């Protein structure tokens, strides 16, 4: 199925770590 109207498909995903207020 083609999801492009609703979503992007990714080859990788990395998060900036923290507790919500760690990186102002």
PDBML (XML) file of the C-alpha atoms, coordinates in Angstrom:
<?xml version="1.0" encoding="UTF-8" ?>
<PDBx:datablock datablockName="MODEL"
   xmlns:PDBx="http://pdbml.pdb.org/schema/pdbx-v50.xsd"
   xmlns:xsi="http://www.w3.org/2001/XMLSchema-instance"
   xsi:schemaLocation="http://pdbml.pdb.org/schema/pdbx-v50.xsd pdbx-v50.xsd">
   <PDBx:atom_siteCategory>
      <PDBx:atom_site id="1">
         <PDBx:B_iso_or_equiv>0.00</PDBx:B_iso_or_equiv>
         <PDBx:Cartn_x>0.000</PDBx:Cartn_x>
         <PDBx:Cartn_y>0.000</PDBx:Cartn_y>
         <PDBx:Cartn_z>0.000</PDBx:Cartn_z>
         <PDBx:auth_asym_id>A</PDBx:auth_asym_id>
         <PDBx:auth_atom_id>CA</PDBx:auth_atom_id>
         <PDBx:auth_comp_id>UNK</PDBx:auth_comp_id>
         <PDBx:auth_seq_id>1</PDBx:auth_seq_id>
         <PDBx:group_PDB>ATOM</PDBx:group_PDB>
         <PDBx:label_alt_id xsi:nil="true" />
         <PDBx:label_asym_id>A</PDBx:label_asym_id>
         <PDBx:label_atom_id>CA</PDBx:label_atom_id>
         <PDBx:label_comp_id>UNK</PDBx:label_comp_id>
         <PDBx:label_entity_id>1</PDBx:label_entity_id>
         <PDBx:label_seq_id>1</PDBx:label_seq_id>
         <PDBx:occupancy>1.00</PDBx:occupancy>
         <PDBx:pdbx_PDB_model_num>1</PDBx:pdbx_PDB_model_num>
         <PDBx:type_symbol>C</PDBx:type_symbol>
      </PDBx:atom_site>
      <PDBx:atom_site id="2">
         <PDBx:B_iso_or_equiv>0.00</PDBx:B_iso_or_equiv>
         <PDBx:Cartn_x>1.035</PDBx:Cartn_x>
         <PDBx:Cartn_y>3.616</PDBx:Cartn_y>
         <PDBx:Cartn_z>-0.517</PDBx:Cartn_z>
         <PDBx:auth_asym_id>A</PDBx:auth_asym_id>
         <PDBx:auth_atom_id>CA</PDBx:auth_atom_id>
         <PDBx:auth_comp_id>UNK</PDBx:auth_comp_id>
         <PDBx:auth_seq_id>2</PDBx:auth_seq_id>
         <PDBx:group_PDB>ATOM</PDBx:group_PDB>
         <PDBx:label_alt_id xsi:nil="true" />
         <PDBx:label_asym_id>A</PDBx:label_asym_id>
         <PDBx:label_atom_id>CA</PDBx:label_atom_id>
         <PDBx:label_comp_id>UNK</PDBx:label_comp_id>
         <PDBx:label_entity_id>1</PDBx:label_entity_id>
         <PDBx:label_seq_id>2</PDBx:label_seq_id>
         <PDBx:occupancy>1.00</PDBx:occupancy>
         <PDBx:pdbx_PDB_model_num>1</PDBx:pdbx_PDB_model_num>
         <PDBx:type_symbol>C</PDBx:type_symbol>
      </PDBx:atom_site>
      <PDBx:atom_site id="3">
         <PDBx:B_iso_or_equiv>0.00</PDBx:B_iso_or_equiv>
         <PDBx:Cartn_x>1.063</PDBx:Cartn_x>
         <PDBx:Cartn_y>5.509</PDBx:Cartn_y>
         <PDBx:Cartn_z>2.800</PDBx:Cartn_z>
         <PDBx:auth_asym_id>A</PDBx:auth_asym_id>
         <PDBx:auth_atom_id>CA</PDBx:auth_atom_id>
         <PDBx:auth_comp_id>UNK</PDBx:auth_comp_id>
         <PDBx:auth_seq_id>3</PDBx:auth_seq_id>
         <PDBx:group_PDB>ATOM</PDBx:group_PDB>
         <PDBx:label_alt_id xsi:nil="true" />
         <PDBx:label_asym_id>A</PDBx:label_asym_id>
         <PDBx:label_atom_id>CA</PDBx:label_atom_id>
         <PDBx:label_comp_id>UNK</PDBx:label_comp_id>
         <PDBx:label_entity_id>1</PDBx:label_entity_id>
         <PDBx:label_seq_id>3</PDBx:label_seq_id>
         <PDBx:occupancy>1.00</PDBx:occupancy>
         <PDBx:pdbx_PDB_model_num>1</PDBx:pdbx_PDB_model_num>
         <PDBx:type_symbol>C</PDBx:type_symbol>
      </PDBx:atom_site>
      <PDBx:atom_site id="4">
         <PDBx:B_iso_or_equiv>0.00</PDBx:B_iso_or_equiv>
         <PDBx:Cartn_x>2.687</PDBx:Cartn_x>
         <PDBx:Cartn_y>8.679</PDBx:Cartn_y>
         <PDBx:Cartn_z>1.527</PDBx:Cartn_z>
         <PDBx:auth_asym_id>A</PDBx:auth_asym_id>
         <PDBx:auth_atom_id>CA</PDBx:auth_atom_id>
         <PDBx:auth_comp_id>UNK</PDBx:auth_comp_id>
         <PDBx:auth_seq_id>4</PDBx:auth_seq_id>
         <PDBx:group_PDB>ATOM</PDBx:group_PDB>
         <PDBx:label_alt_id xsi:nil="true" />
         <PDBx:label_asym_id>A</PDBx:label_asym_id>
         <PDBx:label_atom_id>CA</PDBx:label_atom_id>
         <PDBx:label_comp_id>UNK</PDBx:label_comp_id>
         <PDBx:label_entity_id>1</PDBx:label_entity_id>
         <PDBx:label_seq_id>4</PDBx:label_seq_id>
         <PDBx:occupancy>1.00</PDBx:occupancy>
         <PDBx:pdbx_PDB_model_num>1</PDBx:pdbx_PDB_model_num>
         <PDBx:type_symbol>C</PDBx:type_symbol>
      </PDBx:atom_site>
      <PDBx:atom_site id="5">
         <PDBx:B_iso_or_equiv>0.00</PDBx:B_iso_or_equiv>
         <PDBx:Cartn_x>-0.447</PDBx:Cartn_x>
         <PDBx:Cartn_y>10.795</PDBx:Cartn_y>
         <PDBx:Cartn_z>1.889</PDBx:Cartn_z>
         <PDBx:auth_asym_id>A</PDBx:auth_asym_id>
         <PDBx:auth_atom_id>CA</PDBx:auth_atom_id>
         <PDBx:auth_comp_id>UNK</PDBx:auth_comp_id>
         <PDBx:auth_seq_id>5</PDBx:auth_seq_id>
         <PDBx:group_PDB>ATOM</PDBx:group_PDB>
         <PDBx:label_alt_id xsi:nil="true" />
         <PDBx:label_asym_id>A</PDBx:label_asym_id>
         <PDBx:label_atom_id>CA</PDBx:label_atom_id>
         <PDBx:label_comp_id>UNK</PDBx:label_comp_id>
         <PDBx:label_entity_id>1</PDBx:label_entity_id>
         <PDBx:label_seq_id>5</PDBx:label_seq_id>
         <PDBx:occupancy>1.00</PDBx:occupancy>
         <PDBx:pdbx_PDB_model_num>1</PDBx:pdbx_PDB_model_num>
         <PDBx:type_symbol>C</PDBx:type_symbol>
      </PDBx:atom_site>
      <PDBx:atom_site id="6">
         <PDBx:B_iso_or_equiv>0.00</PDBx:B_iso_or_equiv>
         <PDBx:Cartn_x>-0.396</PDBx:Cartn_x>
         <PDBx:Cartn_y>10.101</PDBx:Cartn_y>
         <PDBx:Cartn_z>5.617</PDBx:Cartn_z>
         <PDBx:auth_asym_id>A</PDBx:auth_asym_id>
         <PDBx:auth_atom_id>CA</PDBx:auth_atom_id>
         <PDBx:auth_comp_id>UNK</PDBx:auth_comp_id>
         <PDBx:auth_seq_id>6</PDBx:auth_seq_id>
         <PDBx:group_PDB>ATOM</PDBx:group_PDB>
         <PDBx:label_alt_id xsi:nil="true" />
         <PDBx:label_asym_id>A</PDBx:label_asym_id>
         <PDBx:label_atom_id>CA</PDBx:label_atom_id>
         <PDBx:label_comp_id>UNK</PDBx:label_comp_id>
         <PDBx:label_entity_id>1</PDBx:label_entity_id>
         <PDBx:label_seq_id>6</PDBx:label_seq_id>
         <PDBx:occupancy>1.00</PDBx:occupancy>
         <PDBx:pdbx_PDB_model_num>1</PDBx:pdbx_PDB_model_num>
         <PDBx:type_symbol>C</PDBx:type_symbol>
      </PDBx:atom_site>
      <PDBx:atom_site id="7">
         <PDBx:B_iso_or_equiv>0.00</PDBx:B_iso_or_equiv>
         <PDBx:Cartn_x>3.151</PDBx:Cartn_x>
         <PDBx:Cartn_y>9.109</PDBx:Cartn_y>
         <PDBx:Cartn_z>6.547</PDBx:Cartn_z>
         <PDBx:auth_asym_id>A</PDBx:auth_asym_id>
         <PDBx:auth_atom_id>CA</PDBx:auth_atom_id>
         <PDBx:auth_comp_id>UNK</PDBx:auth_comp_id>
         <PDBx:auth_seq_id>7</PDBx:auth_seq_id>
         <PDBx:group_PDB>ATOM</PDBx:group_PDB>
         <PDBx:label_alt_id xsi:nil="true" />
         <PDBx:label_asym_id>A</PDBx:label_asym_id>
         <PDBx:label_atom_id>CA</PDBx:label_atom_id>
         <PDBx:label_comp_id>UNK</PDBx:label_comp_id>
         <PDBx:label_entity_id>1</PDBx:label_entity_id>
         <PDBx:label_seq_id>7</PDBx:label_seq_id>
         <PDBx:occupancy>1.00</PDBx:occupancy>
         <PDBx:pdbx_PDB_model_num>1</PDBx:pdbx_PDB_model_num>
         <PDBx:type_symbol>C</PDBx:type_symbol>
      </PDBx:atom_site>
      <PDBx:atom_site id="8">
         <PDBx:B_iso_or_equiv>0.00</PDBx:B_iso_or_equiv>
         <PDBx:Cartn_x>6.860</PDBx:Cartn_x>
         <PDBx:Cartn_y>9.107</PDBx:Cartn_y>
         <PDBx:Cartn_z>5.762</PDBx:Cartn_z>
         <PDBx:auth_asym_id>A</PDBx:auth_asym_id>
         <PDBx:auth_atom_id>CA</PDBx:auth_atom_id>
         <PDBx:auth_comp_id>UNK</PDBx:auth_comp_id>
         <PDBx:auth_seq_id>8</PDBx:auth_seq_id>
         <PDBx:group_PDB>ATOM</PDBx:group_PDB>
         <PDBx:label_alt_id xsi:nil="true" />
         <PDBx:label_asym_id>A</PDBx:label_asym_id>
         <PDBx:label_atom_id>CA</PDBx:label_atom_id>
         <PDBx:label_comp_id>UNK</PDBx:label_comp_id>
         <PDBx:label_entity_id>1</PDBx:label_entity_id>
         <PDBx:label_seq_id>8</PDBx:label_seq_id>
         <PDBx:occupancy>1.00</PDBx:occupancy>
         <PDBx:pdbx_PDB_model_num>1</PDBx:pdbx_PDB_model_num>
         <PDBx:type_symbol>C</PDBx:type_symbol>
      </PDBx:atom_site>
      <PDBx:atom_site id="9">
         <PDBx:B_iso_or_equiv>0.00</PDBx:B_iso_or_equiv>
         <PDBx:Cartn_x>8.821</PDBx:Cartn_x>
         <PDBx:Cartn_y>5.861</PDBx:Cartn_y>
         <PDBx:Cartn_z>5.713</PDBx:Cartn_z>
         <PDBx:auth_asym_id>A</PDBx:auth_asym_id>
         <PDBx:auth_atom_id>CA</PDBx:auth_atom_id>
         <PDBx:auth_comp_id>UNK</PDBx:auth_comp_id>
         <PDBx:auth_seq_id>9</PDBx:auth_seq_id>
         <PDBx:group_PDB>ATOM</PDBx:group_PDB>
         <PDBx:label_alt_id xsi:nil="true" />
         <PDBx:label_asym_id>A</PDBx:label_asym_id>
         <PDBx:label_atom_id>CA</PDBx:label_atom_id>
         <PDBx:label_comp_id>UNK</PDBx:label_comp_id>
         <PDBx:label_entity_id>1</PDBx:label_entity_id>
         <PDBx:label_seq_id>9</PDBx:label_seq_id>
         <PDBx:occupancy>1.00</PDBx:occupancy>
         <PDBx:pdbx_PDB_model_num>1</PDBx:pdbx_PDB_model_num>
         <PDBx:type_symbol>C</PDBx:type_symbol>
      </PDBx:atom_site>
      <PDBx:atom_site id="10">
         <PDBx:B_iso_or_equiv>0.00</PDBx:B_iso_or_equiv>
         <PDBx:Cartn_x>12.274</PDBx:Cartn_x>
         <PDBx:Cartn_y>6.005</PDBx:Cartn_y>
         <PDBx:Cartn_z>7.290</PDBx:Cartn_z>
         <PDBx:auth_asym_id>A</PDBx:auth_asym_id>
         <PDBx:auth_atom_id>CA</PDBx:auth_atom_id>
         <PDBx:auth_comp_id>UNK</PDBx:auth_comp_id>
         <PDBx:auth_seq_id>10</PDBx:auth_seq_id>
         <PDBx:group_PDB>ATOM</PDBx:group_PDB>
         <PDBx:label_alt_id xsi:nil="true" />
         <PDBx:label_asym_id>A</PDBx:label_asym_id>
         <PDBx:label_atom_id>CA</PDBx:label_atom_id>
         <PDBx:label_comp_id>UNK</PDBx:label_comp_id>
         <PDBx:label_entity_id>1</PDBx:label_entity_id>
         <PDBx:label_seq_id>10</PDBx:label_seq_id>
         <PDBx:occupancy>1.00</PDBx:occupancy>
         <PDBx:pdbx_PDB_model_num>1</PDBx:pdbx_PDB_model_num>
         <PDBx:type_symbol>C</PDBx:type_symbol>
      </PDBx:atom_site>
      <PDBx:atom_site id="11">
         <PDBx:B_iso_or_equiv>0.00</PDBx:B_iso_or_equiv>
         <PDBx:Cartn_x>15.522</PDBx:Cartn_x>
         <PDBx:Cartn_y>4.106</PDBx:Cartn_y>
         <PDBx:Cartn_z>6.938</PDBx:Cartn_z>
         <PDBx:auth_asym_id>A</PDBx:auth_asym_id>
         <PDBx:auth_atom_id>CA</PDBx:auth_atom_id>
         <PDBx:auth_comp_id>UNK</PDBx:auth_comp_id>
         <PDBx:auth_seq_id>11</PDBx:auth_seq_id>
         <PDBx:group_PDB>ATOM</PDBx:group_PDB>
         <PDBx:label_alt_id xsi:nil="true" />
         <PDBx:label_asym_id>A</PDBx:label_asym_id>
         <PDBx:label_atom_id>CA</PDBx:label_atom_id>
         <PDBx:label_comp_id>UNK</PDBx:label_comp_id>
         <PDBx:label_entity_id>1</PDBx:label_entity_id>
         <PDBx:label_seq_id>11</PDBx:label_seq_id>
         <PDBx:occupancy>1.00</PDBx:occupancy>
         <PDBx:pdbx_PDB_model_num>1</PDBx:pdbx_PDB_model_num>
         <PDBx:type_symbol>C</PDBx:type_symbol>
      </PDBx:atom_site>
      <PDBx:atom_site id="12">
         <PDBx:B_iso_or_equiv>0.00</PDBx:B_iso_or_equiv>
         <PDBx:Cartn_x>16.779</PDBx:Cartn_x>
         <PDBx:Cartn_y>5.240</PDBx:Cartn_y>
         <PDBx:Cartn_z>10.334</PDBx:Cartn_z>
         <PDBx:auth_asym_id>A</PDBx:auth_asym_id>
         <PDBx:auth_atom_id>CA</PDBx:auth_atom_id>
         <PDBx:auth_comp_id>UNK</PDBx:auth_comp_id>
         <PDBx:auth_seq_id>12</PDBx:auth_seq_id>
         <PDBx:group_PDB>ATOM</PDBx:group_PDB>
         <PDBx:label_alt_id xsi:nil="true" />
         <PDBx:label_asym_id>A</PDBx:label_asym_id>
         <PDBx:label_atom_id>CA</PDBx:label_atom_id>
         <PDBx:label_comp_id>UNK</PDBx:label_comp_id>
         <PDBx:label_entity_id>1</PDBx:label_entity_id>
         <PDBx:label_seq_id>12</PDBx:label_seq_id>
         <PDBx:occupancy>1.00</PDBx:occupancy>
         <PDBx:pdbx_PDB_model_num>1</PDBx:pdbx_PDB_model_num>
         <PDBx:type_symbol>C</PDBx:type_symbol>
      </PDBx:atom_site>
      <PDBx:atom_site id="13">
         <PDBx:B_iso_or_equiv>0.00</PDBx:B_iso_or_equiv>
         <PDBx:Cartn_x>15.553</PDBx:Cartn_x>
         <PDBx:Cartn_y>7.112</PDBx:Cartn_y>
         <PDBx:Cartn_z>13.415</PDBx:Cartn_z>
         <PDBx:auth_asym_id>A</PDBx:auth_asym_id>
         <PDBx:auth_atom_id>CA</PDBx:auth_atom_id>
         <PDBx:auth_comp_id>UNK</PDBx:auth_comp_id>
         <PDBx:auth_seq_id>13</PDBx:auth_seq_id>
         <PDBx:group_PDB>ATOM</PDBx:group_PDB>
         <PDBx:label_alt_id xsi:nil="true" />
         <PDBx:label_asym_id>A</PDBx:label_asym_id>
         <PDBx:label_atom_id>CA</PDBx:label_atom_id>
         <PDBx:label_comp_id>UNK</PDBx:label_comp_id>
         <PDBx:label_entity_id>1</PDBx:label_entity_id>
         <PDBx:label_seq_id>13</PDBx:label_seq_id>
         <PDBx:occupancy>1.00</PDBx:occupancy>
         <PDBx:pdbx_PDB_model_num>1</PDBx:pdbx_PDB_model_num>
         <PDBx:type_symbol>C</PDBx:type_symbol>
      </PDBx:atom_site>
      <PDBx:atom_site id="14">
         <PDBx:B_iso_or_equiv>0.00</PDBx:B_iso_or_equiv>
         <PDBx:Cartn_x>17.622</PDBx:Cartn_x>
         <PDBx:Cartn_y>8.611</PDBx:Cartn_y>
         <PDBx:Cartn_z>16.262</PDBx:Cartn_z>
         <PDBx:auth_asym_id>A</PDBx:auth_asym_id>
         <PDBx:auth_atom_id>CA</PDBx:auth_atom_id>
         <PDBx:auth_comp_id>UNK</PDBx:auth_comp_id>
         <PDBx:auth_seq_id>14</PDBx:auth_seq_id>
         <PDBx:group_PDB>ATOM</PDBx:group_PDB>
         <PDBx:label_alt_id xsi:nil="true" />
         <PDBx:label_asym_id>A</PDBx:label_asym_id>
         <PDBx:label_atom_id>CA</PDBx:label_atom_id>
         <PDBx:label_comp_id>UNK</PDBx:label_comp_id>
         <PDBx:label_entity_id>1</PDBx:label_entity_id>
         <PDBx:label_seq_id>14</PDBx:label_seq_id>
         <PDBx:occupancy>1.00</PDBx:occupancy>
         <PDBx:pdbx_PDB_model_num>1</PDBx:pdbx_PDB_model_num>
         <PDBx:type_symbol>C</PDBx:type_symbol>
      </PDBx:atom_site>
      <PDBx:atom_site id="15">
         <PDBx:B_iso_or_equiv>0.00</PDBx:B_iso_or_equiv>
         <PDBx:Cartn_x>16.379</PDBx:Cartn_x>
         <PDBx:Cartn_y>10.598</PDBx:Cartn_y>
         <PDBx:Cartn_z>19.277</PDBx:Cartn_z>
         <PDBx:auth_asym_id>A</PDBx:auth_asym_id>
         <PDBx:auth_atom_id>CA</PDBx:auth_atom_id>
         <PDBx:auth_comp_id>UNK</PDBx:auth_comp_id>
         <PDBx:auth_seq_id>15</PDBx:auth_seq_id>
         <PDBx:group_PDB>ATOM</PDBx:group_PDB>
         <PDBx:label_alt_id xsi:nil="true" />
         <PDBx:label_asym_id>A</PDBx:label_asym_id>
         <PDBx:label_atom_id>CA</PDBx:label_atom_id>
         <PDBx:label_comp_id>UNK</PDBx:label_comp_id>
         <PDBx:label_entity_id>1</PDBx:label_entity_id>
         <PDBx:label_seq_id>15</PDBx:label_seq_id>
         <PDBx:occupancy>1.00</PDBx:occupancy>
         <PDBx:pdbx_PDB_model_num>1</PDBx:pdbx_PDB_model_num>
         <PDBx:type_symbol>C</PDBx:type_symbol>
      </PDBx:atom_site>
      <PDBx:atom_site id="16">
         <PDBx:B_iso_or_equiv>0.00</PDBx:B_iso_or_equiv>
         <PDBx:Cartn_x>17.948</PDBx:Cartn_x>
         <PDBx:Cartn_y>13.501</PDBx:Cartn_y>
         <PDBx:Cartn_z>21.132</PDBx:Cartn_z>
         <PDBx:auth_asym_id>A</PDBx:auth_asym_id>
         <PDBx:auth_atom_id>CA</PDBx:auth_atom_id>
         <PDBx:auth_comp_id>UNK</PDBx:auth_comp_id>
         <PDBx:auth_seq_id>16</PDBx:auth_seq_id>
         <PDBx:group_PDB>ATOM</PDBx:group_PDB>
         <PDBx:label_alt_id xsi:nil="true" />
         <PDBx:label_asym_id>A</PDBx:label_asym_id>
         <PDBx:label_atom_id>CA</PDBx:label_atom_id>
         <PDBx:label_comp_id>UNK</PDBx:label_comp_id>
         <PDBx:label_entity_id>1</PDBx:label_entity_id>
         <PDBx:label_seq_id>16</PDBx:label_seq_id>
         <PDBx:occupancy>1.00</PDBx:occupancy>
         <PDBx:pdbx_PDB_model_num>1</PDBx:pdbx_PDB_model_num>
         <PDBx:type_symbol>C</PDBx:type_symbol>
      </PDBx:atom_site>
      <PDBx:atom_site id="17">
         <PDBx:B_iso_or_equiv>0.00</PDBx:B_iso_or_equiv>
         <PDBx:Cartn_x>18.064</PDBx:Cartn_x>
         <PDBx:Cartn_y>12.025</PDBx:Cartn_y>
         <PDBx:Cartn_z>24.663</PDBx:Cartn_z>
         <PDBx:auth_asym_id>A</PDBx:auth_asym_id>
         <PDBx:auth_atom_id>CA</PDBx:auth_atom_id>
         <PDBx:auth_comp_id>UNK</PDBx:auth_comp_id>
         <PDBx:auth_seq_id>17</PDBx:auth_seq_id>
         <PDBx:group_PDB>ATOM</PDBx:group_PDB>
         <PDBx:label_alt_id xsi:nil="true" />
         <PDBx:label_asym_id>A</PDBx:label_asym_id>
         <PDBx:label_atom_id>CA</PDBx:label_atom_id>
         <PDBx:label_comp_id>UNK</PDBx:label_comp_id>
         <PDBx:label_entity_id>1</PDBx:label_entity_id>
         <PDBx:label_seq_id>17</PDBx:label_seq_id>
         <PDBx:occupancy>1.00</PDBx:occupancy>
         <PDBx:pdbx_PDB_model_num>1</PDBx:pdbx_PDB_model_num>
         <PDBx:type_symbol>C</PDBx:type_symbol>
      </PDBx:atom_site>
      <PDBx:atom_site id="18">
         <PDBx:B_iso_or_equiv>0.00</PDBx:B_iso_or_equiv>
         <PDBx:Cartn_x>16.760</PDBx:Cartn_x>
         <PDBx:Cartn_y>13.743</PDBx:Cartn_y>
         <PDBx:Cartn_z>27.789</PDBx:Cartn_z>
         <PDBx:auth_asym_id>A</PDBx:auth_asym_id>
         <PDBx:auth_atom_id>CA</PDBx:auth_atom_id>
         <PDBx:auth_comp_id>UNK</PDBx:auth_comp_id>
         <PDBx:auth_seq_id>18</PDBx:auth_seq_id>
         <PDBx:group_PDB>ATOM</PDBx:group_PDB>
         <PDBx:label_alt_id xsi:nil="true" />
         <PDBx:label_asym_id>A</PDBx:label_asym_id>
         <PDBx:label_atom_id>CA</PDBx:label_atom_id>
         <PDBx:label_comp_id>UNK</PDBx:label_comp_id>
         <PDBx:label_entity_id>1</PDBx:label_entity_id>
         <PDBx:label_seq_id>18</PDBx:label_seq_id>
         <PDBx:occupancy>1.00</PDBx:occupancy>
         <PDBx:pdbx_PDB_model_num>1</PDBx:pdbx_PDB_model_num>
         <PDBx:type_symbol>C</PDBx:type_symbol>
      </PDBx:atom_site>
      <PDBx:atom_site id="19">
         <PDBx:B_iso_or_equiv>0.00</PDBx:B_iso_or_equiv>
         <PDBx:Cartn_x>13.978</PDBx:Cartn_x>
         <PDBx:Cartn_y>13.958</PDBx:Cartn_y>
         <PDBx:Cartn_z>30.340</PDBx:Cartn_z>
         <PDBx:auth_asym_id>A</PDBx:auth_asym_id>
         <PDBx:auth_atom_id>CA</PDBx:auth_atom_id>
         <PDBx:auth_comp_id>UNK</PDBx:auth_comp_id>
         <PDBx:auth_seq_id>19</PDBx:auth_seq_id>
         <PDBx:group_PDB>ATOM</PDBx:group_PDB>
         <PDBx:label_alt_id xsi:nil="true" />
         <PDBx:label_asym_id>A</PDBx:label_asym_id>
         <PDBx:label_atom_id>CA</PDBx:label_atom_id>
         <PDBx:label_comp_id>UNK</PDBx:label_comp_id>
         <PDBx:label_entity_id>1</PDBx:label_entity_id>
         <PDBx:label_seq_id>19</PDBx:label_seq_id>
         <PDBx:occupancy>1.00</PDBx:occupancy>
         <PDBx:pdbx_PDB_model_num>1</PDBx:pdbx_PDB_model_num>
         <PDBx:type_symbol>C</PDBx:type_symbol>
      </PDBx:atom_site>
      <PDBx:atom_site id="20">
         <PDBx:B_iso_or_equiv>0.00</PDBx:B_iso_or_equiv>
         <PDBx:Cartn_x>11.969</PDBx:Cartn_x>
         <PDBx:Cartn_y>16.658</PDBx:Cartn_y>
         <PDBx:Cartn_z>28.584</PDBx:Cartn_z>
         <PDBx:auth_asym_id>A</PDBx:auth_asym_id>
         <PDBx:auth_atom_id>CA</PDBx:auth_atom_id>
         <PDBx:auth_comp_id>UNK</PDBx:auth_comp_id>
         <PDBx:auth_seq_id>20</PDBx:auth_seq_id>
         <PDBx:group_PDB>ATOM</PDBx:group_PDB>
         <PDBx:label_alt_id xsi:nil="true" />
         <PDBx:label_asym_id>A</PDBx:label_asym_id>
         <PDBx:label_atom_id>CA</PDBx:label_atom_id>
         <PDBx:label_comp_id>UNK</PDBx:label_comp_id>
         <PDBx:label_entity_id>1</PDBx:label_entity_id>
         <PDBx:label_seq_id>20</PDBx:label_seq_id>
         <PDBx:occupancy>1.00</PDBx:occupancy>
         <PDBx:pdbx_PDB_model_num>1</PDBx:pdbx_PDB_model_num>
         <PDBx:type_symbol>C</PDBx:type_symbol>
      </PDBx:atom_site>
      <PDBx:atom_site id="21">
         <PDBx:B_iso_or_equiv>0.00</PDBx:B_iso_or_equiv>
         <PDBx:Cartn_x>13.863</PDBx:Cartn_x>
         <PDBx:Cartn_y>19.676</PDBx:Cartn_y>
         <PDBx:Cartn_z>29.884</PDBx:Cartn_z>
         <PDBx:auth_asym_id>A</PDBx:auth_asym_id>
         <PDBx:auth_atom_id>CA</PDBx:auth_atom_id>
         <PDBx:auth_comp_id>UNK</PDBx:auth_comp_id>
         <PDBx:auth_seq_id>21</PDBx:auth_seq_id>
         <PDBx:group_PDB>ATOM</PDBx:group_PDB>
         <PDBx:label_alt_id xsi:nil="true" />
         <PDBx:label_asym_id>A</PDBx:label_asym_id>
         <PDBx:label_atom_id>CA</PDBx:label_atom_id>
         <PDBx:label_comp_id>UNK</PDBx:label_comp_id>
         <PDBx:label_entity_id>1</PDBx:label_entity_id>
         <PDBx:label_seq_id>21</PDBx:label_seq_id>
         <PDBx:occupancy>1.00</PDBx:occupancy>
         <PDBx:pdbx_PDB_model_num>1</PDBx:pdbx_PDB_model_num>
         <PDBx:type_symbol>C</PDBx:type_symbol>
      </PDBx:atom_site>
      <PDBx:atom_site id="22">
         <PDBx:B_iso_or_equiv>0.00</PDBx:B_iso_or_equiv>
         <PDBx:Cartn_x>17.447</PDBx:Cartn_x>
         <PDBx:Cartn_y>18.455</PDBx:Cartn_y>
         <PDBx:Cartn_z>29.423</PDBx:Cartn_z>
         <PDBx:auth_asym_id>A</PDBx:auth_asym_id>
         <PDBx:auth_atom_id>CA</PDBx:auth_atom_id>
         <PDBx:auth_comp_id>UNK</PDBx:auth_comp_id>
         <PDBx:auth_seq_id>22</PDBx:auth_seq_id>
         <PDBx:group_PDB>ATOM</PDBx:group_PDB>
         <PDBx:label_alt_id xsi:nil="true" />
         <PDBx:label_asym_id>A</PDBx:label_asym_id>
         <PDBx:label_atom_id>CA</PDBx:label_atom_id>
         <PDBx:label_comp_id>UNK</PDBx:label_comp_id>
         <PDBx:label_entity_id>1</PDBx:label_entity_id>
         <PDBx:label_seq_id>22</PDBx:label_seq_id>
         <PDBx:occupancy>1.00</PDBx:occupancy>
         <PDBx:pdbx_PDB_model_num>1</PDBx:pdbx_PDB_model_num>
         <PDBx:type_symbol>C</PDBx:type_symbol>
      </PDBx:atom_site>
      <PDBx:atom_site id="23">
         <PDBx:B_iso_or_equiv>0.00</PDBx:B_iso_or_equiv>
         <PDBx:Cartn_x>18.204</PDBx:Cartn_x>
         <PDBx:Cartn_y>20.262</PDBx:Cartn_y>
         <PDBx:Cartn_z>26.157</PDBx:Cartn_z>
         <PDBx:auth_asym_id>A</PDBx:auth_asym_id>
         <PDBx:auth_atom_id>CA</PDBx:auth_atom_id>
         <PDBx:auth_comp_id>UNK</PDBx:auth_comp_id>
         <PDBx:auth_seq_id>23</PDBx:auth_seq_id>
         <PDBx:group_PDB>ATOM</PDBx:group_PDB>
         <PDBx:label_alt_id xsi:nil="true" />
         <PDBx:label_asym_id>A</PDBx:label_asym_id>
         <PDBx:label_atom_id>CA</PDBx:label_atom_id>
         <PDBx:label_comp_id>UNK</PDBx:label_comp_id>
         <PDBx:label_entity_id>1</PDBx:label_entity_id>
         <PDBx:label_seq_id>23</PDBx:label_seq_id>
         <PDBx:occupancy>1.00</PDBx:occupancy>
         <PDBx:pdbx_PDB_model_num>1</PDBx:pdbx_PDB_model_num>
         <PDBx:type_symbol>C</PDBx:type_symbol>
      </PDBx:atom_site>
      <PDBx:atom_site id="24">
         <PDBx:B_iso_or_equiv>0.00</PDBx:B_iso_or_equiv>
         <PDBx:Cartn_x>16.972</PDBx:Cartn_x>
         <PDBx:Cartn_y>23.869</PDBx:Cartn_y>
         <PDBx:Cartn_z>26.278</PDBx:Cartn_z>
         <PDBx:auth_asym_id>A</PDBx:auth_asym_id>
         <PDBx:auth_atom_id>CA</PDBx:auth_atom_id>
         <PDBx:auth_comp_id>UNK</PDBx:auth_comp_id>
         <PDBx:auth_seq_id>24</PDBx:auth_seq_id>
         <PDBx:group_PDB>ATOM</PDBx:group_PDB>
         <PDBx:label_alt_id xsi:nil="true" />
         <PDBx:label_asym_id>A</PDBx:label_asym_id>
         <PDBx:label_atom_id>CA</PDBx:label_atom_id>
         <PDBx:label_comp_id>UNK</PDBx:label_comp_id>
         <PDBx:label_entity_id>1</PDBx:label_entity_id>
         <PDBx:label_seq_id>24</PDBx:label_seq_id>
         <PDBx:occupancy>1.00</PDBx:occupancy>
         <PDBx:pdbx_PDB_model_num>1</PDBx:pdbx_PDB_model_num>
         <PDBx:type_symbol>C</PDBx:type_symbol>
      </PDBx:atom_site>
   </PDBx:atom_siteCategory>
</PDBx:datablock>
